[in-house]
PDB file of all heavy atoms in Angstrom:
ATOM      1  N   HIS A   1     127.395 136.123 142.419  1.00  0.00           N
ATOM      2  CA  HIS A   1     126.495 136.313 141.275  1.00  0.00           C
ATOM      3  C   HIS A   1     126.255 134.983 140.561  1.00  0.00           C
ATOM      4  O   HIS A   1     125.122 134.632 140.228  1.00  0.00           O
ATOM      5  CB  HIS A   1     127.092 137.302 140.267  1.00  0.00           C
ATOM      6  CG  HIS A   1     127.115 138.727 140.732  1.00  0.00           C
ATOM      7  ND1 HIS A   1     128.289 139.402 140.983  1.00  0.00           N
ATOM      8  CD2 HIS A   1     126.116 139.612 140.970  1.00  0.00           C
ATOM      9  CE1 HIS A   1     128.016 140.636 141.352  1.00  0.00           C
ATOM     10  NE2 HIS A   1     126.706 140.795 141.363  1.00  0.00           N
ATOM     11  N   LEU A   2     127.332 134.252 140.324  1.00  0.00           N
ATOM     12  CA  LEU A   2     127.240 133.046 139.507  1.00  0.00           C
ATOM     13  C   LEU A   2     126.527 131.910 140.222  1.00  0.00           C
ATOM     14  O   LEU A   2     125.944 131.031 139.571  1.00  0.00           O
ATOM     15  CB  LEU A   2     128.637 132.599 139.089  1.00  0.00           C
ATOM     16  CG  LEU A   2     129.409 133.598 138.211  1.00  0.00           C
ATOM     17  CD1 LEU A   2     130.765 133.035 137.832  1.00  0.00           C
ATOM     18  CD2 LEU A   2     128.626 133.960 136.974  1.00  0.00           C
ATOM     19  N   ASN A   3     126.562 131.912 141.533  1.00  0.00           N
ATOM     20  CA  ASN A   3     125.863 130.868 142.288  1.00  0.00           C
ATOM     21  C   ASN A   3     124.350 130.912 142.069  1.00  0.00           C
ATOM     22  O   ASN A   3     123.654 129.929 142.334  1.00  0.00           O
ATOM     23  CB  ASN A   3     126.162 131.008 143.793  1.00  0.00           C
ATOM     24  CG  ASN A   3     127.517 130.431 144.157  1.00  0.00           C
ATOM     25  OD1 ASN A   3     127.971 129.453 143.562  1.00  0.00           O
ATOM     26  ND2 ASN A   3     128.175 131.032 145.139  1.00  0.00           N
ATOM     27  N   LYS A   4     123.849 132.029 141.570  1.00  0.00           N
ATOM     28  CA  LYS A   4     122.407 132.191 141.351  1.00  0.00           C
ATOM     29  C   LYS A   4     121.976 131.741 139.953  1.00  0.00           C
ATOM     30  O   LYS A   4     120.805 131.823 139.604  1.00  0.00           O
ATOM     31  CB  LYS A   4     122.014 133.658 141.549  1.00  0.00           C
ATOM     32  CG  LYS A   4     122.365 134.223 142.924  1.00  0.00           C
ATOM     33  CD  LYS A   4     122.111 135.717 142.991  1.00  0.00           C
ATOM     34  CE  LYS A   4     122.532 136.290 144.339  1.00  0.00           C
ATOM     35  NZ  LYS A   4     122.376 137.765 144.404  1.00  0.00           N
ATOM     36  N   VAL A   5     122.943 131.285 139.144  1.00  0.00           N
ATOM     37  CA  VAL A   5     122.674 130.996 137.738  1.00  0.00           C
ATOM     38  C   VAL A   5     122.944 129.523 137.420  1.00  0.00           C
ATOM     39  O   VAL A   5     123.910 128.936 137.906  1.00  0.00           O
ATOM     40  CB  VAL A   5     123.579 131.881 136.843  1.00  0.00           C
ATOM     41  CG1 VAL A   5     123.332 131.589 135.369  1.00  0.00           C
ATOM     42  CG2 VAL A   5     123.346 133.357 137.132  1.00  0.00           C
ATOM     43  N   ASP A   6     122.076 128.929 136.592  1.00  0.00           N
ATOM     44  CA  ASP A   6     122.323 127.589 136.072  1.00  0.00           C
ATOM     45  C   ASP A   6     123.224 127.737 134.853  1.00  0.00           C
ATOM     46  O   ASP A   6     122.760 127.936 133.726  1.00  0.00           O
ATOM     47  CB  ASP A   6     120.996 126.921 135.685  1.00  0.00           C
ATOM     48  CG  ASP A   6     121.204 125.497 135.178  1.00  0.00           C
ATOM     49  OD1 ASP A   6     122.362 125.031 135.147  1.00  0.00           O
ATOM     50  OD2 ASP A   6     120.206 124.851 134.802  1.00  0.00           O
ATOM     51  N   LEU A   7     124.531 127.666 135.067  1.00  0.00           N
ATOM     52  CA  LEU A   7     125.494 127.954 134.013  1.00  0.00           C
ATOM     53  C   LEU A   7     125.424 126.956 132.864  1.00  0.00           C
ATOM     54  O   LEU A   7     125.792 127.275 131.732  1.00  0.00           O
ATOM     55  CB  LEU A   7     126.906 127.972 134.592  1.00  0.00           C
ATOM     56  CG  LEU A   7     127.213 129.071 135.617  1.00  0.00           C
ATOM     57  CD1 LEU A   7     128.660 128.956 136.079  1.00  0.00           C
ATOM     58  CD2 LEU A   7     126.969 130.452 135.026  1.00  0.00           C
ATOM     59  N   GLU A   8     124.936 125.758 133.127  1.00  0.00           N
ATOM     60  CA  GLU A   8     124.883 124.735 132.089  1.00  0.00           C
ATOM     61  C   GLU A   8     123.977 125.158 130.939  1.00  0.00           C
ATOM     62  O   GLU A   8     124.183 124.752 129.788  1.00  0.00           O
ATOM     63  CB  GLU A   8     124.391 123.418 132.701  1.00  0.00           C
ATOM     64  CG  GLU A   8     124.319 122.256 131.727  1.00  0.00           C
ATOM     65  CD  GLU A   8     125.666 121.952 131.073  1.00  0.00           C
ATOM     66  OE1 GLU A   8     126.703 122.139 131.712  1.00  0.00           O
ATOM     67  OE2 GLU A   8     125.651 121.527 129.908  1.00  0.00           O
ATOM     68  N   VAL A   9     123.003 126.001 131.231  1.00  0.00           N
ATOM     69  CA  VAL A   9     122.050 126.445 130.209  1.00  0.00           C
ATOM     70  C   VAL A   9     122.730 127.338 129.165  1.00  0.00           C
ATOM     71  O   VAL A   9     122.352 127.347 127.994  1.00  0.00           O
ATOM     72  CB  VAL A   9     120.878 127.207 130.871  1.00  0.00           C
ATOM     73  CG1 VAL A   9     119.944 127.806 129.820  1.00  0.00           C
ATOM     74  CG2 VAL A   9     120.118 126.288 131.817  1.00  0.00           C
ATOM     75  N   PHE A  10     123.754 128.061 129.585  1.00  0.00           N
ATOM     76  CA  PHE A  10     124.356 129.082 128.727  1.00  0.00           C
ATOM     77  C   PHE A  10     125.660 128.543 128.134  1.00  0.00           C
ATOM     78  O   PHE A  10     126.746 128.715 128.696  1.00  0.00           O
ATOM     79  CB  PHE A  10     124.560 130.366 129.533  1.00  0.00           C
ATOM     80  CG  PHE A  10     123.285 130.840 130.181  1.00  0.00           C
ATOM     81  CD1 PHE A  10     123.088 130.698 131.546  1.00  0.00           C
ATOM     82  CD2 PHE A  10     122.263 131.386 129.419  1.00  0.00           C
ATOM     83  CE1 PHE A  10     121.908 131.106 132.144  1.00  0.00           C
ATOM     84  CE2 PHE A  10     121.082 131.792 130.001  1.00  0.00           C
ATOM     85  CZ  PHE A  10     120.899 131.657 131.364  1.00  0.00           C
ATOM     86  N   LYS A  11     125.530 127.907 126.982  1.00  0.00           N
ATOM     87  CA  LYS A  11     126.634 127.170 126.376  1.00  0.00           C
ATOM     88  C   LYS A  11     127.780 128.067 125.917  1.00  0.00           C
ATOM     89  O   LYS A  11     128.931 127.633 125.878  1.00  0.00           O
ATOM     90  CB  LYS A  11     126.118 126.356 125.181  1.00  0.00           C
ATOM     91  CG  LYS A  11     125.002 125.378 125.516  1.00  0.00           C
ATOM     92  CD  LYS A  11     125.469 124.314 126.489  1.00  0.00           C
ATOM     93  CE  LYS A  11     124.372 123.287 126.752  1.00  0.00           C
ATOM     94  NZ  LYS A  11     124.790 122.270 127.751  1.00  0.00           N
ATOM     95  N   SER A  12     127.469 129.308 125.522  1.00  0.00           N
ATOM     96  CA  SER A  12     128.519 130.164 124.968  1.00  0.00           C
ATOM     97  C   SER A  12     129.372 130.836 126.039  1.00  0.00           C
ATOM     98  O   SER A  12     130.411 131.413 125.730  1.00  0.00           O
ATOM     99  CB  SER A  12     127.888 131.242 124.066  1.00  0.00           C
ATOM    100  OG  SER A  12     127.209 132.213 124.837  1.00  0.00           O
ATOM    101  N   LEU A  13     128.954 130.759 127.308  1.00  0.00           N
ATOM    102  CA  LEU A  13     129.680 131.440 128.382  1.00  0.00           C
ATOM    103  C   LEU A  13     130.975 130.702 128.693  1.00  0.00           C
ATOM    104  O   LEU A  13     130.983 129.622 129.261  1.00  0.00           O
ATOM    105  CB  LEU A  13     128.797 131.508 129.641  1.00  0.00           C
ATOM    106  CG  LEU A  13     129.430 132.164 130.871  1.00  0.00           C
ATOM    107  CD1 LEU A  13     129.814 133.610 130.579  1.00  0.00           C
ATOM    108  CD2 LEU A  13     128.474 132.101 132.063  1.00  0.00           C
ATOM    109  N   ARG A  14     132.116 131.332 128.329  1.00  0.00           N
ATOM    110  CA  ARG A  14     133.408 130.671 128.505  1.00  0.00           C
ATOM    111  C   ARG A  14     134.463 131.591 129.132  1.00  0.00           C
ATOM    112  O   ARG A  14     135.534 131.112 129.517  1.00  0.00           O
ATOM    113  CB  ARG A  14     133.932 130.185 127.143  1.00  0.00           C
ATOM    114  CG  ARG A  14     132.988 129.270 126.370  1.00  0.00           C
ATOM    115  CD  ARG A  14     132.951 127.888 126.941  1.00  0.00           C
ATOM    116  NE  ARG A  14     134.195 127.178 126.705  1.00  0.00           N
ATOM    117  CZ  ARG A  14     134.524 126.608 125.542  1.00  0.00           C
ATOM    118  NH1 ARG A  14     133.726 126.666 124.492  1.00  0.00           N
ATOM    119  NH2 ARG A  14     135.672 125.965 125.428  1.00  0.00           N
ATOM    120  N   PHE A  15     134.176 132.897 129.227  1.00  0.00           N
ATOM    121  CA  PHE A  15     135.194 133.845 129.678  1.00  0.00           C
ATOM    122  C   PHE A  15     134.709 134.635 130.889  1.00  0.00           C
ATOM    123  O   PHE A  15     133.561 135.084 130.926  1.00  0.00           O
ATOM    124  CB  PHE A  15     135.576 134.800 128.535  1.00  0.00           C
ATOM    125  CG  PHE A  15     136.327 134.122 127.435  1.00  0.00           C
ATOM    126  CD1 PHE A  15     135.654 133.413 126.454  1.00  0.00           C
ATOM    127  CD2 PHE A  15     137.706 134.159 127.397  1.00  0.00           C
ATOM    128  CE1 PHE A  15     136.342 132.755 125.442  1.00  0.00           C
ATOM    129  CE2 PHE A  15     138.415 133.505 126.388  1.00  0.00           C
ATOM    130  CZ  PHE A  15     137.727 132.801 125.409  1.00  0.00           C
ATOM    131  N   PHE A  16     135.611 134.793 131.860  1.00  0.00           N
ATOM    132  CA  PHE A  16     135.289 135.471 133.109  1.00  0.00           C
ATOM    133  C   PHE A  16     136.404 136.469 133.396  1.00  0.00           C
ATOM    134  O   PHE A  16     137.562 136.086 133.546  1.00  0.00           O
ATOM    135  CB  PHE A  16     135.171 134.453 134.240  1.00  0.00           C
ATOM    136  CG  PHE A  16     134.136 133.393 133.985  1.00  0.00           C
ATOM    137  CD1 PHE A  16     134.426 132.291 133.178  1.00  0.00           C
ATOM    138  CD2 PHE A  16     132.867 133.506 134.517  1.00  0.00           C
ATOM    139  CE1 PHE A  16     133.476 131.318 132.927  1.00  0.00           C
ATOM    140  CE2 PHE A  16     131.906 132.537 134.277  1.00  0.00           C
ATOM    141  CZ  PHE A  16     132.204 131.443 133.481  1.00  0.00           C
ATOM    142  N   GLN A  17     136.049 137.740 133.453  1.00  0.00           N
ATOM    143  CA  GLN A  17     137.072 138.785 133.565  1.00  0.00           C
ATOM    144  C   GLN A  17     137.003 139.472 134.922  1.00  0.00           C
ATOM    145  O   GLN A  17     135.923 139.813 135.401  1.00  0.00           O
ATOM    146  CB  GLN A  17     136.867 139.823 132.452  1.00  0.00           C
ATOM    147  CG  GLN A  17     137.937 140.892 132.423  1.00  0.00           C
ATOM    148  CD  GLN A  17     137.897 141.739 131.165  1.00  0.00           C
ATOM    149  OE1 GLN A  17     138.295 142.902 131.184  1.00  0.00           O
ATOM    150  NE2 GLN A  17     137.435 141.172 130.061  1.00  0.00           N
ATOM    151  N   CYS A  18     138.166 139.659 135.536  1.00  0.00           N
ATOM    152  CA  CYS A  18     138.220 140.411 136.788  1.00  0.00           C
ATOM    153  C   CYS A  18     139.669 140.828 137.055  1.00  0.00           C
ATOM    154  O   CYS A  18     140.597 140.387 136.371  1.00  0.00           O
ATOM    155  CB  CYS A  18     137.665 139.606 137.968  1.00  0.00           C
ATOM    156  SG  CYS A  18     138.692 138.234 138.512  1.00  0.00           S
ATOM    157  N   GLU A  19     139.845 141.652 138.052  1.00  0.00           N
ATOM    158  CA  GLU A  19     141.196 142.044 138.456  1.00  0.00           C
ATOM    159  C   GLU A  19     141.924 140.836 139.035  1.00  0.00           C
ATOM    160  O   GLU A  19     141.352 140.043 139.784  1.00  0.00           O
ATOM    161  CB  GLU A  19     141.123 143.170 139.488  1.00  0.00           C
ATOM    162  CG  GLU A  19     142.484 143.662 139.939  1.00  0.00           C
ATOM    163  CD  GLU A  19     142.415 144.814 140.926  1.00  0.00           C
ATOM    164  OE1 GLU A  19     141.306 145.354 141.149  1.00  0.00           O
ATOM    165  OE2 GLU A  19     143.472 145.181 141.478  1.00  0.00           O
ATOM    166  N   PHE A  20     143.202 140.727 138.692  1.00  0.00           N
ATOM    167  CA  PHE A  20     143.980 139.599 139.190  1.00  0.00           C
ATOM    168  C   PHE A  20     145.450 139.987 139.259  1.00  0.00           C
ATOM    169  O   PHE A  20     146.096 140.251 138.249  1.00  0.00           O
ATOM    170  CB  PHE A  20     143.804 138.388 138.268  1.00  0.00           C
ATOM    171  CG  PHE A  20     144.498 137.136 138.738  1.00  0.00           C
ATOM    172  CD1 PHE A  20     144.242 136.602 139.992  1.00  0.00           C
ATOM    173  CD2 PHE A  20     145.403 136.479 137.924  1.00  0.00           C
ATOM    174  CE1 PHE A  20     144.868 135.438 140.426  1.00  0.00           C
ATOM    175  CE2 PHE A  20     146.040 135.312 138.336  1.00  0.00           C
ATOM    176  CZ  PHE A  20     145.757 134.796 139.597  1.00  0.00           C
ATOM    177  N   ASN A  21     145.970 140.048 140.470  1.00  0.00           N
ATOM    178  CA  ASN A  21     147.373 140.364 140.718  1.00  0.00           C
ATOM    179  C   ASN A  21     147.704 139.857 142.127  1.00  0.00           C
ATOM    180  O   ASN A  21     146.801 139.391 142.840  1.00  0.00           O
ATOM    181  CB  ASN A  21     147.624 141.870 140.568  1.00  0.00           C
ATOM    182  CG  ASN A  21     146.671 142.701 141.399  1.00  0.00           C
ATOM    183  OD1 ASN A  21     146.685 142.624 142.630  1.00  0.00           O
ATOM    184  ND2 ASN A  21     145.831 143.506 140.745  1.00  0.00           N
ATOM    185  N   PRO A  22     148.954 139.907 142.560  1.00  0.00           N
ATOM    186  CA  PRO A  22     149.289 139.367 143.884  1.00  0.00           C
ATOM    187  C   PRO A  22     148.588 140.064 145.043  1.00  0.00           C
ATOM    188  O   PRO A  22     148.466 139.476 146.123  1.00  0.00           O
ATOM    189  CB  PRO A  22     150.807 139.571 143.965  1.00  0.00           C
ATOM    190  CG  PRO A  22     151.262 139.529 142.551  1.00  0.00           C
ATOM    191  CD  PRO A  22     150.176 140.223 141.784  1.00  0.00           C
ATOM    192  N   ILE A  23     148.122 141.305 144.831  1.00  0.00           N
ATOM    193  CA  ILE A  23     147.390 142.003 145.895  1.00  0.00           C
ATOM    194  C   ILE A  23     145.909 141.652 145.860  1.00  0.00           C
ATOM    195  O   ILE A  23     145.292 141.386 146.890  1.00  0.00           O
ATOM    196  CB  ILE A  23     147.571 143.527 145.778  1.00  0.00           C
ATOM    197  CG1 ILE A  23     149.031 143.915 146.035  1.00  0.00           C
ATOM    198  CG2 ILE A  23     146.663 144.271 146.764  1.00  0.00           C
ATOM    199  CD1 ILE A  23     149.320 145.400 145.831  1.00  0.00           C
ATOM    200  N   GLU A  24     145.334 141.646 144.662  1.00  0.00           N
ATOM    201  CA  GLU A  24     143.893 141.420 144.486  1.00  0.00           C
ATOM    202  C   GLU A  24     143.690 140.144 143.685  1.00  0.00           C
ATOM    203  O   GLU A  24     143.820 140.125 142.466  1.00  0.00           O
ATOM    204  CB  GLU A  24     143.266 142.614 143.759  1.00  0.00           C
ATOM    205  CG  GLU A  24     141.796 142.457 143.407  1.00  0.00           C
ATOM    206  CD  GLU A  24     140.908 142.319 144.616  1.00  0.00           C
ATOM    207  OE1 GLU A  24     140.899 143.221 145.468  1.00  0.00           O
ATOM    208  OE2 GLU A  24     140.215 141.281 144.717  1.00  0.00           O
ATOM    209  N   ASN A  25     143.392 139.053 144.378  1.00  0.00           N
ATOM    210  CA  ASN A  25     143.211 137.781 143.670  1.00  0.00           C
ATOM    211  C   ASN A  25     142.137 136.879 144.248  1.00  0.00           C
ATOM    212  O   ASN A  25     141.864 135.807 143.718  1.00  0.00           O
ATOM    213  CB  ASN A  25     144.543 137.020 143.595  1.00  0.00           C
ATOM    214  CG  ASN A  25     145.195 136.834 144.950  1.00  0.00           C
ATOM    215  OD1 ASN A  25     144.660 136.148 145.822  1.00  0.00           O
ATOM    216  ND2 ASN A  25     146.361 137.453 145.142  1.00  0.00           N
ATOM    217  N   GLU A  26     141.529 137.309 145.336  1.00  0.00           N
ATOM    218  CA  GLU A  26     140.539 136.458 145.998  1.00  0.00           C
ATOM    219  C   GLU A  26     139.358 136.137 145.089  1.00  0.00           C
ATOM    220  O   GLU A  26     138.931 134.975 144.982  1.00  0.00           O
ATOM    221  CB  GLU A  26     140.042 137.130 147.286  1.00  0.00           C
ATOM    222  CG  GLU A  26     139.069 136.259 148.074  1.00  0.00           C
ATOM    223  CD  GLU A  26     138.661 136.900 149.395  1.00  0.00           C
ATOM    224  OE1 GLU A  26     139.198 137.977 149.734  1.00  0.00           O
ATOM    225  OE2 GLU A  26     137.800 136.322 150.070  1.00  0.00           O
ATOM    226  N   LYS A  27     138.804 137.163 144.413  1.00  0.00           N
ATOM    227  CA  LYS A  27     137.636 136.936 143.564  1.00  0.00           C
ATOM    228  C   LYS A  27     137.982 136.036 142.389  1.00  0.00           C
ATOM    229  O   LYS A  27     137.191 135.176 141.999  1.00  0.00           O
ATOM    230  CB  LYS A  27     137.081 138.270 143.064  1.00  0.00           C
ATOM    231  CG  LYS A  27     136.402 139.096 144.147  1.00  0.00           C
ATOM    232  CD  LYS A  27     135.239 138.339 144.780  1.00  0.00           C
ATOM    233  CE  LYS A  27     134.587 139.098 145.918  1.00  0.00           C
ATOM    234  NZ  LYS A  27     133.545 138.315 146.614  1.00  0.00           N
ATOM    235  N   ALA A  28     139.163 136.232 141.831  1.00  0.00           N
ATOM    236  CA  ALA A  28     139.587 135.386 140.720  1.00  0.00           C
ATOM    237  C   ALA A  28     139.710 133.930 141.168  1.00  0.00           C
ATOM    238  O   ALA A  28     139.294 133.008 140.454  1.00  0.00           O
ATOM    239  CB  ALA A  28     140.921 135.880 140.162  1.00  0.00           C
ATOM    240  N   ASN A  29     140.277 133.716 142.330  1.00  0.00           N
ATOM    241  CA  ASN A  29     140.409 132.347 142.846  1.00  0.00           C
ATOM    242  C   ASN A  29     139.048 131.710 143.082  1.00  0.00           C
ATOM    243  O   ASN A  29     138.862 130.512 142.852  1.00  0.00           O
ATOM    244  CB  ASN A  29     141.226 132.363 144.133  1.00  0.00           C
ATOM    245  CG  ASN A  29     142.668 132.771 143.909  1.00  0.00           C
ATOM    246  OD1 ASN A  29     143.205 132.606 142.819  1.00  0.00           O
ATOM    247  ND2 ASN A  29     143.315 133.314 144.928  1.00  0.00           N
ATOM    248  N   GLU A  30     138.082 132.516 143.520  1.00  0.00           N
ATOM    249  CA  GLU A  30     136.729 131.994 143.743  1.00  0.00           C
ATOM    250  C   GLU A  30     136.039 131.609 142.438  1.00  0.00           C
ATOM    251  O   GLU A  30     135.142 130.771 142.434  1.00  0.00           O
ATOM    252  CB  GLU A  30     135.885 133.037 144.486  1.00  0.00           C
ATOM    253  CG  GLU A  30     136.300 133.253 145.936  1.00  0.00           C
ATOM    254  CD  GLU A  30     135.540 134.383 146.602  1.00  0.00           C
ATOM    255  OE1 GLU A  30     134.694 135.010 145.926  1.00  0.00           O
ATOM    256  OE2 GLU A  30     135.802 134.665 147.787  1.00  0.00           O
ATOM    257  N   LEU A  31     136.464 132.215 141.333  1.00  0.00           N
ATOM    258  CA  LEU A  31     135.853 131.914 140.033  1.00  0.00           C
ATOM    259  C   LEU A  31     136.421 130.651 139.397  1.00  0.00           C
ATOM    260  O   LEU A  31     135.872 130.155 138.410  1.00  0.00           O
ATOM    261  CB  LEU A  31     136.068 133.092 139.071  1.00  0.00           C
ATOM    262  CG  LEU A  31     135.304 134.384 139.353  1.00  0.00           C
ATOM    263  CD1 LEU A  31     135.776 135.483 138.402  1.00  0.00           C
ATOM    264  CD2 LEU A  31     133.802 134.180 139.220  1.00  0.00           C
ATOM    265  N   SER A  32     137.510 130.122 139.947  1.00  0.00           N
ATOM    266  CA  SER A  32     138.223 129.023 139.289  1.00  0.00           C
ATOM    267  C   SER A  32     137.343 127.800 139.056  1.00  0.00           C
ATOM    268  O   SER A  32     137.437 127.146 138.012  1.00  0.00           O
ATOM    269  CB  SER A  32     139.473 128.643 140.080  1.00  0.00           C
ATOM    270  OG  SER A  32     139.133 128.180 141.370  1.00  0.00           O
ATOM    271  N   SER A  33     136.462 127.481 139.996  1.00  0.00           N
ATOM    272  CA  SER A  33     135.614 126.292 139.825  1.00  0.00           C
ATOM    273  C   SER A  33     134.607 126.501 138.692  1.00  0.00           C
ATOM    274  O   SER A  33     134.300 125.574 137.935  1.00  0.00           O
ATOM    275  CB  SER A  33     134.877 125.967 141.127  1.00  0.00           C
ATOM    276  OG  SER A  33     134.033 127.033 141.521  1.00  0.00           O
ATOM    277  N   PHE A  34     134.093 127.726 138.559  1.00  0.00           N
ATOM    278  CA  PHE A  34     133.162 128.024 137.467  1.00  0.00           C
ATOM    279  C   PHE A  34     133.886 127.974 136.124  1.00  0.00           C
ATOM    280  O   PHE A  34     133.347 127.475 135.132  1.00  0.00           O
ATOM    281  CB  PHE A  34     132.537 129.412 137.664  1.00  0.00           C
ATOM    282  CG  PHE A  34     131.748 129.558 138.930  1.00  0.00           C
ATOM    283  CD1 PHE A  34     132.300 130.172 140.043  1.00  0.00           C
ATOM    284  CD2 PHE A  34     130.449 129.064 139.009  1.00  0.00           C
ATOM    285  CE1 PHE A  34     131.572 130.307 141.208  1.00  0.00           C
ATOM    286  CE2 PHE A  34     129.715 129.193 140.184  1.00  0.00           C
ATOM    287  CZ  PHE A  34     130.278 129.818 141.280  1.00  0.00           C
ATOM    288  N   ILE A  35     135.103 128.496 136.089  1.00  0.00           N
ATOM    289  CA  ILE A  35     135.894 128.486 134.857  1.00  0.00           C
ATOM    290  C   ILE A  35     136.179 127.060 134.436  1.00  0.00           C
ATOM    291  O   ILE A  35     136.070 126.700 133.257  1.00  0.00           O
ATOM    292  CB  ILE A  35     137.207 129.273 135.070  1.00  0.00           C
ATOM    293  CG1 ILE A  35     136.887 130.760 135.262  1.00  0.00           C
ATOM    294  CG2 ILE A  35     138.163 129.073 133.906  1.00  0.00           C
ATOM    295  CD1 ILE A  35     138.076 131.592 135.731  1.00  0.00           C
ATOM    296  N   ASP A  36     136.526 126.217 135.401  1.00  0.00           N
ATOM    297  CA  ASP A  36     136.806 124.822 135.095  1.00  0.00           C
ATOM    298  C   ASP A  36     135.547 124.113 134.594  1.00  0.00           C
ATOM    299  O   ASP A  36     135.594 123.339 133.641  1.00  0.00           O
ATOM    300  CB  ASP A  36     137.351 124.129 136.350  1.00  0.00           C
ATOM    301  CG  ASP A  36     137.915 122.755 136.042  1.00  0.00           C
ATOM    302  OD1 ASP A  36     138.864 122.679 135.238  1.00  0.00           O
ATOM    303  OD2 ASP A  36     137.395 121.759 136.581  1.00  0.00           O
ATOM    304  N   GLU A  37     134.424 124.401 135.233  1.00  0.00           N
ATOM    305  CA  GLU A  37     133.151 123.792 134.828  1.00  0.00           C
ATOM    306  C   GLU A  37     132.796 124.152 133.394  1.00  0.00           C
ATOM    307  O   GLU A  37     132.274 123.315 132.642  1.00  0.00           O
ATOM    308  CB  GLU A  37     132.036 124.271 135.769  1.00  0.00           C
ATOM    309  CG  GLU A  37     130.640 123.777 135.401  1.00  0.00           C
ATOM    310  CD  GLU A  37     129.561 124.414 136.276  1.00  0.00           C
ATOM    311  OE1 GLU A  37     129.898 124.951 137.351  1.00  0.00           O
ATOM    312  OE2 GLU A  37     128.382 124.388 135.880  1.00  0.00           O
ATOM    313  N   LYS A  38     133.078 125.393 133.001  1.00  0.00           N
ATOM    314  CA  LYS A  38     132.703 125.868 131.667  1.00  0.00           C
ATOM    315  C   LYS A  38     133.796 125.658 130.624  1.00  0.00           C
ATOM    316  O   LYS A  38     133.636 126.079 129.477  1.00  0.00           O
ATOM    317  CB  LYS A  38     132.354 127.360 131.740  1.00  0.00           C
ATOM    318  CG  LYS A  38     131.146 127.697 132.583  1.00  0.00           C
ATOM    319  CD  LYS A  38     129.864 127.076 132.027  1.00  0.00           C
ATOM    320  CE  LYS A  38     129.471 127.688 130.704  1.00  0.00           C
ATOM    321  NZ  LYS A  38     128.244 127.099 130.138  1.00  0.00           N
ATOM    322  N   ASP A  39     134.905 125.022 131.016  1.00  0.00           N
ATOM    323  CA  ASP A  39     136.036 124.854 130.105  1.00  0.00           C
ATOM    324  C   ASP A  39     136.421 126.216 129.532  1.00  0.00           C
ATOM    325  O   ASP A  39     136.581 126.398 128.319  1.00  0.00           O
ATOM    326  CB  ASP A  39     135.678 123.880 128.977  1.00  0.00           C
ATOM    327  CG  ASP A  39     136.883 123.496 128.108  1.00  0.00           C
ATOM    328  OD1 ASP A  39     138.028 123.698 128.563  1.00  0.00           O
ATOM    329  OD2 ASP A  39     136.665 123.002 126.984  1.00  0.00           O
ATOM    330  N   GLY A  40     136.557 127.174 130.454  1.00  0.00           N
ATOM    331  CA  GLY A  40     136.772 128.557 130.044  1.00  0.00           C
ATOM    332  C   GLY A  40     138.072 129.130 130.554  1.00  0.00           C
ATOM    333  O   GLY A  40     138.998 128.396 130.939  1.00  0.00           O
ATOM    334  N   PHE A  41     138.112 130.470 130.602  1.00  0.00           N
ATOM    335  CA  PHE A  41     139.346 131.158 130.959  1.00  0.00           C
ATOM    336  C   PHE A  41     139.067 132.401 131.792  1.00  0.00           C
ATOM    337  O   PHE A  41     138.020 133.042 131.662  1.00  0.00           O
ATOM    338  CB  PHE A  41     140.096 131.578 129.684  1.00  0.00           C
ATOM    339  CG  PHE A  41     140.432 130.425 128.797  1.00  0.00           C
ATOM    340  CD1 PHE A  41     139.630 130.111 127.707  1.00  0.00           C
ATOM    341  CD2 PHE A  41     141.528 129.612 129.068  1.00  0.00           C
ATOM    342  CE1 PHE A  41     139.910 129.031 126.897  1.00  0.00           C
ATOM    343  CE2 PHE A  41     141.817 128.523 128.266  1.00  0.00           C
ATOM    344  CZ  PHE A  41     141.006 128.230 127.180  1.00  0.00           C
ATOM    345  N   LEU A  42     140.037 132.718 132.629  1.00  0.00           N
ATOM    346  CA  LEU A  42     140.031 133.977 133.355  1.00  0.00           C
ATOM    347  C   LEU A  42     140.761 135.004 132.508  1.00  0.00           C
ATOM    348  O   LEU A  42     141.841 134.736 131.994  1.00  0.00           O
ATOM    349  CB  LEU A  42     140.741 133.822 134.700  1.00  0.00           C
ATOM    350  CG  LEU A  42     140.907 135.110 135.526  1.00  0.00           C
ATOM    351  CD1 LEU A  42     139.567 135.533 136.109  1.00  0.00           C
ATOM    352  CD2 LEU A  42     141.936 134.917 136.631  1.00  0.00           C
TER     353      LEU A  42
END
C-alpha cells in the first residue's frame, strides 16, 4: 500500500499499526524502512 504513496507529502504520518509477534512479524518488518523514513513508530 505504502509503495503507492509519496509519504513525504504527508507530514503528520508518523504511526504504523499492525500485528507483531514471533509468529506474525513479516509485515511489520517490511514497514521498518517507512517507519524510519517518517521518524515514526510501529
